[in-house]
PDB file of N, CA and C in Angstrom:
ATOM      1  N   MET A   1     -16.862 -22.700  12.830  1.00  0.00           N
ATOM      2  CA  MET A   1     -16.105 -22.772  11.729  1.00  0.00           C
ATOM      3  C   MET A   1     -16.919 -22.842  10.387  1.00  0.00           C
ATOM      4  N   GLU A   2     -18.133 -23.533  10.465  1.00  0.00           N
ATOM      5  CA  GLU A   2     -18.820 -23.554   9.137  1.00  0.00           C
ATOM      6  C   GLU A   2     -19.359 -22.044   8.842  1.00  0.00           C
ATOM      7  N   ASP A   3     -19.747 -21.257   9.829  1.00  0.00           N
ATOM      8  CA  ASP A   3     -20.062 -19.866   9.525  1.00  0.00           C
ATOM      9  C   ASP A   3     -18.941 -19.304   8.681  1.00  0.00           C
ATOM     10  N   ASN A   4     -17.736 -19.483   9.202  1.00  0.00           N
ATOM     11  CA  ASN A   4     -16.630 -18.697   8.466  1.00  0.00           C
ATOM     12  C   ASN A   4     -16.497 -19.285   6.960  1.00  0.00           C
ATOM     13  N   ASN A   5     -16.907 -20.379   6.783  1.00  0.00           N
ATOM     14  CA  ASN A   5     -16.733 -20.972   5.351  1.00  0.00           C
ATOM     15  C   ASN A   5     -17.777 -20.260   4.564  1.00  0.00           C
ATOM     16  N   ILE A   6     -19.097 -20.325   5.219  1.00  0.00           N
ATOM     17  CA  ILE A   6     -20.185 -19.554   4.420  1.00  0.00           C
ATOM     18  C   ILE A   6     -19.873 -18.184   4.260  1.00  0.00           C
ATOM     19  N   ASP A   7     -19.255 -17.533   5.333  1.00  0.00           N
ATOM     20  CA  ASP A   7     -19.005 -15.999   4.989  1.00  0.00           C
ATOM     21  C   ASP A   7     -17.801 -16.029   3.805  1.00  0.00           C
ATOM     22  N   ALA A   8     -16.975 -16.817   3.869  1.00  0.00           N
ATOM     23  CA  ALA A   8     -15.955 -16.692   2.785  1.00  0.00           C
ATOM     24  C   ALA A   8     -16.642 -17.122   1.375  1.00  0.00           C
ATOM     25  N   GLN A   9     -17.434 -17.967   1.466  1.00  0.00           N
ATOM     26  CA  GLN A   9     -17.921 -18.213   0.079  1.00  0.00           C
ATOM     27  C   GLN A   9     -19.053 -16.995  -0.300  1.00  0.00           C
ATOM     28  N   LEU A  10     -19.641 -16.427   0.717  1.00  0.00           N
ATOM     29  CA  LEU A  10     -20.481 -15.289   0.235  1.00  0.00           C
ATOM     30  C   LEU A  10     -19.698 -14.123  -0.234  1.00  0.00           C
ATOM     31  N   HIS A  11     -18.508 -13.916   0.605  1.00  0.00           N
ATOM     32  CA  HIS A  11     -17.608 -12.887   0.060  1.00  0.00           C
ATOM     33  C   HIS A  11     -17.104 -13.242  -1.209  1.00  0.00           C
ATOM     34  N   ALA A  12     -16.808 -14.354  -1.671  1.00  0.00           N
ATOM     35  CA  ALA A  12     -16.243 -14.825  -3.036  1.00  0.00           C
ATOM     36  C   ALA A  12     -17.403 -14.543  -4.113  1.00  0.00           C
ATOM     37  N   LEU A  13     -18.629 -14.888  -3.584  1.00  0.00           N
ATOM     38  CA  LEU A  13     -19.736 -14.561  -4.506  1.00  0.00           C
ATOM     39  C   LEU A  13     -20.034 -13.130  -4.946  1.00  0.00           C
ATOM     40  N   HIS A  14     -19.851 -12.307  -3.854  1.00  0.00           N
ATOM     41  CA  HIS A  14     -20.168 -10.854  -3.964  1.00  0.00           C
ATOM     42  C   HIS A  14     -19.105 -10.355  -4.938  1.00  0.00           C
ATOM     43  N   TRP A  15     -17.724 -10.904  -4.628  1.00  0.00           N
ATOM     44  CA  TRP A  15     -16.508 -10.222  -5.500  1.00  0.00           C
ATOM     45  C   TRP A  15     -16.753 -10.735  -6.961  1.00  0.00           C
ATOM     46  N   ALA A  16     -17.311 -12.007  -7.190  1.00  0.00           N
ATOM     47  CA  ALA A  16     -17.511 -12.305  -8.585  1.00  0.00           C
ATOM     48  C   ALA A  16     -18.578 -11.514  -9.240  1.00  0.00           C
ATOM     49  N   PHE A  17     -19.754 -11.155  -8.425  1.00  0.00           N
ATOM     50  CA  PHE A  17     -20.672 -10.436  -8.925  1.00  0.00           C
ATOM     51  C   PHE A  17     -20.191  -9.011  -9.326  1.00  0.00           C
ATOM     52  N   PHE A  18     -19.395  -8.317  -8.352  1.00  0.00           N
ATOM     53  CA  PHE A  18     -18.971  -6.999  -8.600  1.00  0.00           C
ATOM     54  C   PHE A  18     -17.824  -7.058  -9.935  1.00  0.00           C
ATOM     55  N   SER A  19     -17.165  -7.970  -9.799  1.00  0.00           N
ATOM     56  CA  SER A  19     -16.401  -8.056 -11.053  1.00  0.00           C
ATOM     57  C   SER A  19     -16.916  -8.165 -12.244  1.00  0.00           C
ATOM     58  N   ASP A  20     -18.039  -8.917 -12.344  1.00  0.00           N
ATOM     59  CA  ASP A  20     -18.968  -9.009 -13.493  1.00  0.00           C
ATOM     60  C   ASP A  20     -19.517  -7.655 -13.940  1.00  0.00           C
ATOM     61  N   VAL A  21     -19.924  -7.000 -13.012  1.00  0.00           N
ATOM     62  CA  VAL A  21     -20.791  -5.778 -13.182  1.00  0.00           C
ATOM     63  C   VAL A  21     -19.815  -4.574 -13.502  1.00  0.00           C
ATOM     64  N   MET A  22     -18.564  -4.511 -13.046  1.00  0.00           N
ATOM     65  CA  MET A  22     -17.671  -3.433 -13.155  1.00  0.00           C
ATOM     66  C   MET A  22     -17.556  -2.770 -14.549  1.00  0.00           C
ATOM     67  N   ASP A  23     -17.752  -3.406 -15.619  1.00  0.00           N
ATOM     68  CA  ASP A  23     -17.663  -2.659 -16.711  1.00  0.00           C
ATOM     69  C   ASP A  23     -18.876  -2.399 -17.467  1.00  0.00           C
ATOM     70  N   LYS A  24     -19.929  -2.350 -16.603  1.00  0.00           N
ATOM     71  CA  LYS A  24     -21.250  -2.021 -17.178  1.00  0.00           C
ATOM     72  C   LYS A  24     -21.511  -0.484 -16.989  1.00  0.00           C
ATOM     73  N   ASP A  25     -22.272   0.125 -17.795  1.00  0.00           N
ATOM     74  CA  ASP A  25     -22.604   1.640 -17.656  1.00  0.00           C
ATOM     75  C   ASP A  25     -23.575   1.554 -16.437  1.00  0.00           C
ATOM     76  N   PHE A  26     -23.587   2.828 -15.850  1.00  0.00           N
ATOM     77  CA  PHE A  26     -24.485   2.972 -14.629  1.00  0.00           C
ATOM     78  C   PHE A  26     -25.863   2.726 -14.946  1.00  0.00           C
ATOM     79  N   PRO A  27     -26.498   3.370 -15.987  1.00  0.00           N
ATOM     80  CA  PRO A  27     -27.878   3.058 -16.172  1.00  0.00           C
ATOM     81  C   PRO A  27     -28.211   1.635 -16.326  1.00  0.00           C
ATOM     82  N   ASP A  28     -27.378   0.758 -16.955  1.00  0.00           N
ATOM     83  CA  ASP A  28     -27.637  -0.741 -17.064  1.00  0.00           C
ATOM     84  C   ASP A  28     -27.507  -1.329 -15.643  1.00  0.00           C
ATOM     85  N   LEU A  29     -26.436  -0.805 -14.950  1.00  0.00           N
ATOM     86  CA  LEU A  29     -26.293  -1.475 -13.507  1.00  0.00           C
ATOM     87  C   LEU A  29     -27.390  -1.166 -12.714  1.00  0.00           C
ATOM     88  N   PHE A  30     -27.799   0.146 -12.827  1.00  0.00           N
ATOM     89  CA  PHE A  30     -28.705   0.477 -11.769  1.00  0.00           C
ATOM     90  C   PHE A  30     -30.220  -0.229 -12.149  1.00  0.00           C
ATOM     91  N   ALA A  31     -30.358  -0.366 -13.322  1.00  0.00           N
ATOM     92  CA  ALA A  31     -31.576  -1.132 -13.885  1.00  0.00           C
ATOM     93  C   ALA A  31     -31.494  -2.423 -13.066  1.00  0.00           C
ATOM     94  N   GLU A  32     -30.515  -3.139 -13.159  1.00  0.00           N
ATOM     95  CA  GLU A  32     -30.276  -4.613 -12.644  1.00  0.00           C
ATOM     96  C   GLU A  32     -30.510  -4.583 -11.202  1.00  0.00           C
ATOM     97  N   PHE A  33     -29.866  -3.429 -10.496  1.00  0.00           N
ATOM     98  CA  PHE A  33     -30.068  -3.394  -9.088  1.00  0.00           C
ATOM     99  C   PHE A  33     -31.398  -3.154  -8.587  1.00  0.00           C
ATOM    100  N   VAL A  34     -32.284  -2.389  -9.416  1.00  0.00           N
ATOM    101  CA  VAL A  34     -33.763  -1.981  -8.947  1.00  0.00           C
ATOM    102  C   VAL A  34     -34.503  -3.322  -9.276  1.00  0.00           C
ATOM    103  N   THR A  35     -34.204  -3.982 -10.213  1.00  0.00           N
ATOM    104  CA  THR A  35     -35.049  -5.279 -10.589  1.00  0.00           C
ATOM    105  C   THR A  35     -34.649  -6.266  -9.352  1.00  0.00           C
ATOM    106  N   TRP A  36     -33.182  -6.329  -8.992  1.00  0.00           N
ATOM    107  CA  TRP A  36     -32.900  -7.315  -7.948  1.00  0.00           C
ATOM    108  C   TRP A  36     -33.642  -6.736  -6.583  1.00  0.00           C
ATOM    109  N   CYS A  37     -33.686  -5.461  -6.243  1.00  0.00           N
ATOM    110  CA  CYS A  37     -34.385  -5.076  -5.103  1.00  0.00           C
ATOM    111  C   CYS A  37     -35.707  -5.482  -5.009  1.00  0.00           C
ATOM    112  N   ASP A  38     -36.399  -5.128  -6.213  1.00  0.00           N
ATOM    113  CA  ASP A  38     -37.881  -5.489  -6.267  1.00  0.00           C
ATOM    114  C   ASP A  38     -38.187  -6.977  -6.099  1.00  0.00           C
ATOM    115  N   SER A  39     -37.286  -7.858  -6.494  1.00  0.00           N
ATOM    116  CA  SER A  39     -37.486  -9.167  -6.326  1.00  0.00           C
ATOM    117  C   SER A  39     -37.344  -9.716  -4.917  1.00  0.00           C
ATOM    118  N   LEU A  40     -36.815  -8.928  -4.018  1.00  0.00           N
ATOM    119  CA  LEU A  40     -36.647  -9.396  -2.604  1.00  0.00           C
ATOM    120  C   LEU A  40     -37.978  -9.307  -1.835  1.00  0.00           C
ATOM    121  N   SER A  41     -38.189 -10.208  -0.962  1.00  0.00           N
ATOM    122  CA  SER A  41     -39.316 -10.125  -0.018  1.00  0.00           C
ATOM    123  C   SER A  41     -39.047  -9.018   1.109  1.00  0.00           C
ATOM    124  N   LYS A  42     -40.040  -8.595   1.780  1.00  0.00           N
ATOM    125  CA  LYS A  42     -39.820  -7.818   2.870  1.00  0.00           C
ATOM    126  C   LYS A  42     -38.863  -8.269   3.868  1.00  0.00           C
ATOM    127  N   GLU A  43     -38.972  -9.663   4.176  1.00  0.00           N
ATOM    128  CA  GLU A  43     -38.243 -10.143   5.128  1.00  0.00           C
ATOM    129  C   GLU A  43     -36.718 -10.194   4.763  1.00  0.00           C
ATOM    130  N   GLU A  44     -36.504 -10.648   3.547  1.00  0.00           N
ATOM    131  CA  GLU A  44     -35.132 -10.608   2.789  1.00  0.00           C
ATOM    132  C   GLU A  44     -34.585  -9.126   2.944  1.00  0.00           C
ATOM    133  N   MET A  45     -35.195  -8.330   2.648  1.00  0.00           N
ATOM    134  CA  MET A  45     -34.809  -6.842   2.660  1.00  0.00           C
ATOM    135  C   MET A  45     -34.445  -6.394   4.200  1.00  0.00           C
ATOM    136  N   ASP A  46     -35.360  -6.652   4.973  1.00  0.00           N
ATOM    137  CA  ASP A  46     -35.018  -6.524   6.458  1.00  0.00           C
ATOM    138  C   ASP A  46     -33.753  -7.188   6.956  1.00  0.00           C
ATOM    139  N   SER A  47     -33.547  -8.341   6.618  1.00  0.00           N
ATOM    140  CA  SER A  47     -32.399  -9.260   7.019  1.00  0.00           C
ATOM    141  C   SER A  47     -31.032  -8.442   6.482  1.00  0.00           C
ATOM    142  N   ILE A  48     -31.184  -8.014   5.089  1.00  0.00           N
ATOM    143  CA  ILE A  48     -29.992  -7.321   4.658  1.00  0.00           C
ATOM    144  C   ILE A  48     -29.708  -6.136   5.236  1.00  0.00           C
ATOM    145  N   LEU A  49     -30.896  -5.286   5.633  1.00  0.00           N
ATOM    146  CA  LEU A  49     -30.494  -4.109   6.290  1.00  0.00           C
ATOM    147  C   LEU A  49     -30.368  -4.103   7.706  1.00  0.00           C
ATOM    148  N   SER A  50     -30.523  -5.160   8.285  1.00  0.00           N
ATOM    149  CA  SER A  50     -30.259  -5.194   9.641  1.00  0.00           C
ATOM    150  C   SER A  50     -28.840  -5.129  10.261  1.00  0.00           C
ATOM    151  N   ASP A  51     -28.617  -4.700  11.459  1.00  0.00           N
ATOM    152  CA  ASP A  51     -27.148  -4.574  11.840  1.00  0.00           C
ATOM    153  C   ASP A  51     -26.632  -5.713  12.375  1.00  0.00           C
ATOM    154  N   ASP A  52     -26.188  -6.851  11.506  1.00  0.00           N
ATOM    155  CA  ASP A  52     -25.680  -7.999  11.986  1.00  0.00           C
ATOM    156  C   ASP A  52     -24.184  -7.779  12.188  1.00  0.00           C
ATOM    157  N   ASP A  53     -23.705  -6.720  11.673  1.00  0.00           N
ATOM    158  CA  ASP A  53     -22.262  -6.677  11.977  1.00  0.00           C
ATOM    159  C   ASP A  53     -21.819  -6.474  13.424  1.00  0.00           C
ATOM    160  N   GLU A  54     -22.484  -6.260  14.293  1.00  0.00           N
ATOM    161  CA  GLU A  54     -22.356  -6.039  15.730  1.00  0.00           C
ATOM    162  C   GLU A  54     -22.017  -7.476  16.187  1.00  0.00           C
ATOM    163  N   ASP A  55     -22.741  -8.379  15.727  1.00  0.00           N
ATOM    164  CA  ASP A  55     -22.572  -9.991  16.128  1.00  0.00           C
ATOM    165  C   ASP A  55     -21.046 -10.367  15.757  1.00  0.00           C
ATOM    166  N   MET A  56     -20.658  -9.924  14.638  1.00  0.00           N
ATOM    167  CA  MET A  56     -19.324 -10.363  14.176  1.00  0.00           C
ATOM    168  C   MET A  56     -18.408  -9.746  14.969  1.00  0.00           C
ATOM    169  N   GLU A  57     -18.388  -8.396  15.344  1.00  0.00           N
ATOM    170  CA  GLU A  57     -17.541  -7.721  16.080  1.00  0.00           C
ATOM    171  C   GLU A  57     -17.294  -8.210  17.442  1.00  0.00           C
ATOM    172  N   ASP A  58     -18.314  -8.804  18.020  1.00  0.00           N
ATOM    173  CA  ASP A  58     -18.099  -9.484  19.472  1.00  0.00           C
ATOM    174  C   ASP A  58     -17.584 -10.692  19.389  1.00  0.00           C
ATOM    175  N   SER A  59     -17.371 -11.313  18.247  1.00  0.00           N
ATOM    176  CA  SER A  59     -16.934 -12.646  18.140  1.00  0.00           C
ATOM    177  C   SER A  59     -15.351 -12.737  18.550  1.00  0.00           C
ATOM    178  N   GLU A  60     -15.050 -13.858  19.544  1.00  0.00           N
ATOM    179  CA  GLU A  60     -13.694 -14.061  19.751  1.00  0.00           C
ATOM    180  C   GLU A  60     -12.987 -14.955  18.870  1.00  0.00           C
ATOM    181  N   ASP A  61     -13.549 -15.401  17.929  1.00  0.00           N
ATOM    182  CA  ASP A  61     -12.847 -16.274  16.836  1.00  0.00           C
ATOM    183  C   ASP A  61     -11.867 -15.578  16.091  1.00  0.00           C
ATOM    184  N   GLU A  62     -10.843 -16.492  15.786  1.00  0.00           N
ATOM    185  CA  GLU A  62      -9.811 -15.795  14.805  1.00  0.00           C
ATOM    186  C   GLU A  62     -10.381 -15.856  13.447  1.00  0.00           C
ATOM    187  N   PRO A  63     -10.183 -15.017  12.516  1.00  0.00           N
ATOM    188  CA  PRO A  63     -10.717 -15.087  11.262  1.00  0.00           C
ATOM    189  C   PRO A  63      -9.772 -16.143  10.503  1.00  0.00           C
ATOM    190  N   VAL A  64     -10.545 -16.789   9.542  1.00  0.00           N
ATOM    191  CA  VAL A  64     -10.157 -17.933   8.871  1.00  0.00           C
ATOM    192  C   VAL A  64     -10.047 -17.367   7.480  1.00  0.00           C
ATOM    193  N   THR A  65      -8.734 -17.706   6.901  1.00  0.00           N
ATOM    194  CA  THR A  65      -8.549 -17.167   5.589  1.00  0.00           C
ATOM    195  C   THR A  65      -8.371 -18.597   4.745  1.00  0.00           C
ATOM    196  N   TYR A  66      -9.181 -18.449   3.577  1.00  0.00           N
ATOM    197  CA  TYR A  66      -9.253 -19.470   2.560  1.00  0.00           C
ATOM    198  C   TYR A  66      -8.767 -19.013   1.202  1.00  0.00           C
ATOM    199  N   THR A  67      -7.984 -19.914   0.525  1.00  0.00           N
ATOM    200  CA  THR A  67      -7.667 -19.609  -0.814  1.00  0.00           C
ATOM    201  C   THR A  67      -8.554 -19.597  -1.730  1.00  0.00           C
ATOM    202  N   GLU A  68      -8.366 -19.104  -3.019  1.00  0.00           N
ATOM    203  CA  GLU A  68      -9.437 -19.003  -4.004  1.00  0.00           C
ATOM    204  C   GLU A  68      -9.824 -20.323  -4.406  1.00  0.00           C
ATOM    205  N   ASP A  69      -8.890 -21.302  -4.628  1.00  0.00           N
ATOM    206  CA  ASP A  69      -9.206 -22.600  -4.775  1.00  0.00           C
ATOM    207  C   ASP A  69     -10.044 -23.294  -3.956  1.00  0.00           C
ATOM    208  N   GLU A  70      -9.732 -23.177  -2.686  1.00  0.00           N
ATOM    209  CA  GLU A  70     -10.556 -23.840  -1.564  1.00  0.00           C
ATOM    210  C   GLU A  70     -12.040 -23.193  -1.729  1.00  0.00           C
ATOM    211  N   ILE A  71     -12.265 -22.063  -1.823  1.00  0.00           N
ATOM    212  CA  ILE A  71     -13.495 -21.420  -2.020  1.00  0.00           C
ATOM    213  C   ILE A  71     -14.318 -21.989  -3.107  1.00  0.00           C
ATOM    214  N   TRP A  72     -13.580 -21.976  -4.393  1.00  0.00           N
ATOM    215  CA  TRP A  72     -14.473 -22.379  -5.501  1.00  0.00           C
ATOM    216  C   TRP A  72     -14.510 -23.846  -5.615  1.00  0.00           C
ATOM    217  N   LYS A  73     -13.664 -24.604  -4.922  1.00  0.00           N
ATOM    218  CA  LYS A  73     -13.856 -26.073  -4.823  1.00  0.00           C
ATOM    219  C   LYS A  73     -15.044 -26.241  -3.903  1.00  0.00           C
ATOM    220  N   SER A  74     -15.165 -25.695  -2.882  1.00  0.00           N
ATOM    221  CA  SER A  74     -16.351 -25.922  -1.915  1.00  0.00           C
ATOM    222  C   SER A  74     -17.624 -25.540  -2.568  1.00  0.00           C
ATOM    223  N   LEU A  75     -17.614 -24.361  -3.393  1.00  0.00           N
ATOM    224  CA  LEU A  75     -18.809 -24.109  -4.120  1.00  0.00           C
ATOM    225  C   LEU A  75     -19.241 -24.949  -5.034  1.00  0.00           C
ATOM    226  N   SER A  76     -18.411 -25.730  -5.790  1.00  0.00           N
ATOM    227  CA  SER A  76     -18.776 -26.663  -6.932  1.00  0.00           C
ATOM    228  C   SER A  76     -19.224 -27.761  -6.196  1.00  0.00           C
ATOM    229  N   VAL A  77     -18.719 -28.245  -5.021  1.00  0.00           N
ATOM    230  CA  VAL A  77     -19.168 -29.420  -4.257  1.00  0.00           C
ATOM    231  C   VAL A  77     -20.742 -29.290  -3.897  1.00  0.00           C
ATOM    232  N   ASN A  78     -21.062 -28.054  -3.629  1.00  0.00           N
ATOM    233  CA  ASN A  78     -22.493 -27.704  -2.947  1.00  0.00           C
ATOM    234  C   ASN A  78     -23.128 -27.605  -4.269  1.00  0.00           C
TER     235      ASN A  78
END
């Protein structure tokens, strides 16, 4: 269950990031992306590019849905 909470928090974080950058021009956004990619270690990049989705597809657990308030409350506690 803790993995589902982490997945939900990560999803919320991604959504917040994309919402923040949606109004930026592509050259500015691309420059930020390149800077971010350059800051990653080889291990981090390998982890991101690995095919972890297969593990999620094999899971028998029912997906857990959290409200926006629950997600932000848990983020503020951590």
